[in-house]
C-alpha atoms as a PDB file:
ATOM      1  CA  MET A   1      76.595 -38.685-111.828  1.00  0.00           C
ATOM      2  CA  LYS A   2      78.765 -38.720-108.726  1.00  0.00           C
ATOM      3  CA  SER A   3      78.220 -41.436-106.157  1.00  0.00           C
ATOM      4  CA  LYS A   4      76.476 -39.784-103.210  1.00  0.00           C
ATOM      5  CA  HIS A   5      77.708 -42.555-100.935  1.00  0.00           C
ATOM      6  CA  SER A   6      81.397 -42.121-101.696  1.00  0.00           C
ATOM      7  CA  ILE A   7      83.557 -40.862 -98.839  1.00  0.00           C
ATOM      8  CA  PHE A   8      85.592 -38.960-101.426  1.00  0.00           C
ATOM      9  CA  TYR A   9      82.463 -37.280-102.766  1.00  0.00           C
ATOM     10  CA  LEU A  10      81.478 -36.343 -99.209  1.00  0.00           C
ATOM     11  CA  LEU A  11      84.950 -34.880 -98.649  1.00  0.00           C
ATOM     12  CA  TRP A  12      84.598 -32.763-101.789  1.00  0.00           C
ATOM     13  CA  GLN A  13      81.075 -31.684-100.829  1.00  0.00           C
ATOM     14  CA  GLN A  14      82.093 -30.613 -97.322  1.00  0.00           C
ATOM     15  CA  ASN A  15      85.082 -28.733 -98.727  1.00  0.00           C
ATOM     16  CA  THR A  16      82.744 -26.925-101.103  1.00  0.00           C
ATOM     17  CA  ILE A  17      80.377 -25.766 -98.374  1.00  0.00           C
ATOM     18  CA  SER A  18      83.256 -25.022 -95.970  1.00  0.00           C
ATOM     19  CA  ASN A  19      82.055 -27.108 -93.069  1.00  0.00           C
ATOM     20  CA  TRP A  20      85.543 -27.285 -91.577  1.00  0.00           C
ATOM     21  CA  PRO A  21      85.055 -29.721 -88.647  1.00  0.00           C
ATOM     22  CA  ILE A  22      83.382 -32.283 -90.898  1.00  0.00           C
ATOM     23  CA  TYR A  23      85.853 -31.590 -93.710  1.00  0.00           C
ATOM     24  CA  HIS A  24      88.889 -32.216 -91.502  1.00  0.00           C
ATOM     25  CA  ASN A  25      87.470 -35.486 -90.162  1.00  0.00           C
ATOM     26  CA  LEU A  26      86.691 -36.691 -93.673  1.00  0.00           C
ATOM     27  CA  TYR A  27      90.072 -35.529 -94.994  1.00  0.00           C
ATOM     28  CA  ASP A  28      91.923 -37.319 -92.197  1.00  0.00           C
ATOM     29  CA  LYS A  29      90.038 -40.558 -92.917  1.00  0.00           C
ATOM     30  CA  CYS A  30      90.507 -40.329 -96.686  1.00  0.00           C
ATOM     31  CA  HIS A  31      94.180 -39.450 -96.394  1.00  0.00           C
ATOM     32  CA  ALA A  32      94.837 -42.242 -93.883  1.00  0.00           C
ATOM     33  CA  ASP A  33      93.008 -44.812 -96.031  1.00  0.00           C
ATOM     34  CA  LEU A  34      94.861 -43.789 -99.192  1.00  0.00           C
ATOM     35  CA  THR A  35      98.202 -43.753 -97.377  1.00  0.00           C
ATOM     36  CA  LYS A  36      97.544 -47.304 -96.136  1.00  0.00           C
ATOM     37  CA  HIS A  37      96.637 -48.313 -99.685  1.00  0.00           C
ATOM     38  CA  CYS A  38      99.895 -46.849-101.069  1.00  0.00           C
ATOM     39  CA  LEU A  39     102.249 -48.136 -98.378  1.00  0.00           C
ATOM     40  CA  PRO A  40     102.485 -51.791 -99.537  1.00  0.00           C
ATOM     41  CA  MET A  41     103.142 -50.633-103.100  1.00  0.00           C
ATOM     42  CA  LEU A  42     105.879 -48.196-102.085  1.00  0.00           C
ATOM     43  CA  GLY A  43     107.359 -49.281 -98.773  1.00  0.00           C
ATOM     44  CA  ASP A  44     107.966 -45.600 -98.011  1.00  0.00           C
ATOM     45  CA  LYS A  45     105.523 -43.894 -95.627  1.00  0.00           C
ATOM     46  CA  SER A  46     106.569 -40.370 -96.610  1.00  0.00           C
ATOM     47  CA  ALA A  47     106.045 -41.050-100.323  1.00  0.00           C
ATOM     48  CA  ALA A  48     102.715 -42.777 -99.582  1.00  0.00           C
ATOM     49  CA  ARG A  49     101.478 -39.728 -97.632  1.00  0.00           C
ATOM     50  CA  ILE A  50     102.498 -37.353-100.444  1.00  0.00           C
ATOM     51  CA  ILE A  51     100.831 -39.452-103.135  1.00  0.00           C
ATOM     52  CA  ALA A  52      97.633 -39.683-101.055  1.00  0.00           C
ATOM     53  CA  TYR A  53      97.606 -35.904-100.609  1.00  0.00           C
ATOM     54  CA  GLU A  54      98.193 -35.255-104.322  1.00  0.00           C
ATOM     55  CA  ALA A  55      95.448 -37.701-105.275  1.00  0.00           C
ATOM     56  CA  ILE A  56      92.904 -35.965-103.036  1.00  0.00           C
ATOM     57  CA  LEU A  57      93.777 -32.590-104.565  1.00  0.00           C
ATOM     58  CA  GLU A  58      93.410 -33.978-108.086  1.00  0.00           C
ATOM     59  CA  LEU A  59      90.063 -35.497-107.132  1.00  0.00           C
ATOM     60  CA  PHE A  60      88.788 -32.079-105.995  1.00  0.00           C
ATOM     61  CA  VAL A  61      89.683 -30.585-109.365  1.00  0.00           C
ATOM     62  CA  GLN A  62      88.034 -33.407-111.297  1.00  0.00           C
ATOM     63  CA  LEU A  63      84.873 -33.308-109.192  1.00  0.00           C
ATOM     64  CA  ASP A  64      84.636 -29.535-109.749  1.00  0.00           C
ATOM     65  CA  TYR A  65      84.558 -30.202-113.489  1.00  0.00           C
ATOM     66  CA  ARG A  66      82.160 -33.138-113.041  1.00  0.00           C
ATOM     67  CA  LYS A  67      84.527 -35.525-114.795  1.00  0.00           C
ATOM     68  CA  VAL A  68      84.394 -38.323-112.208  1.00  0.00           C
ATOM     69  CA  LYS A  69      81.480 -40.737-112.184  1.00  0.00           C
ATOM     70  CA  ASN A  70      82.759 -42.973-109.367  1.00  0.00           C
ATOM     71  CA  PRO A  71      85.186 -41.158-107.039  1.00  0.00           C
ATOM     72  CA  ASP A  72      86.188 -44.325-105.157  1.00  0.00           C
ATOM     73  CA  ILE A  73      87.348 -46.229-108.231  1.00  0.00           C
ATOM     74  CA  TRP A  74      88.831 -43.108-109.823  1.00  0.00           C
ATOM     75  CA  ILE A  75      91.037 -42.230-106.857  1.00  0.00           C
ATOM     76  CA  ILE A  76      92.219 -45.825-106.295  1.00  0.00           C
ATOM     77  CA  ASN A  77      93.234 -46.032-109.976  1.00  0.00           C
ATOM     78  CA  LEU A  78      94.990 -42.661-109.732  1.00  0.00           C
ATOM     79  CA  VAL A  79      96.905 -43.725-106.615  1.00  0.00           C
ATOM     80  CA  ALA A  80      97.972 -46.980-108.306  1.00  0.00           C
ATOM     81  CA  GLU A  81      99.250 -45.021-111.328  1.00  0.00           C
ATOM     82  CA  LYS A  82     101.105 -42.546-109.088  1.00  0.00           C
ATOM     83  CA  CYS A  83     102.687 -45.364-107.070  1.00  0.00           C
ATOM     84  CA  GLN A  84     103.790 -47.133-110.258  1.00  0.00           C
ATOM     85  CA  HIS A  85     105.254 -43.876-111.568  1.00  0.00           C
ATOM     86  CA  TYR A  86     107.072 -43.281-108.264  1.00  0.00           C
ATOM     87  CA  ARG A  87     108.536 -46.813-108.247  1.00  0.00           C
ATOM     88  CA  THR A  88     109.660 -46.491-111.860  1.00  0.00           C
ATOM     89  CA  ASN A  89     111.384 -43.164-111.220  1.00  0.00           C
ATOM     90  CA  ALA A  90     112.882 -44.249-107.888  1.00  0.00           C
ATOM     91  CA  VAL A  91     114.688 -47.170-109.550  1.00  0.00           C
ATOM     92  CA  THR A  92     116.268 -45.122-112.313  1.00  0.00           C
END
């Protein structure tokens, strides 16, 4: 079951019912929070913004298929994996 109190679940829900003003506010908050989370791991604001955007898109897909039980933990783990992958590939 999805967490009804998750900001990421609310973002997905508003996207689904096409309530654009609410969706954009939620998206901006989620994207900003994820970008801030990525920035210390990457040190590159542009890369952090891209990873945050990609993570939100992947979350939408997973929530559509009901594969995510806790969107907050899931997306933070995904962002950490993406940041690690970016750092590994940036060095080589």
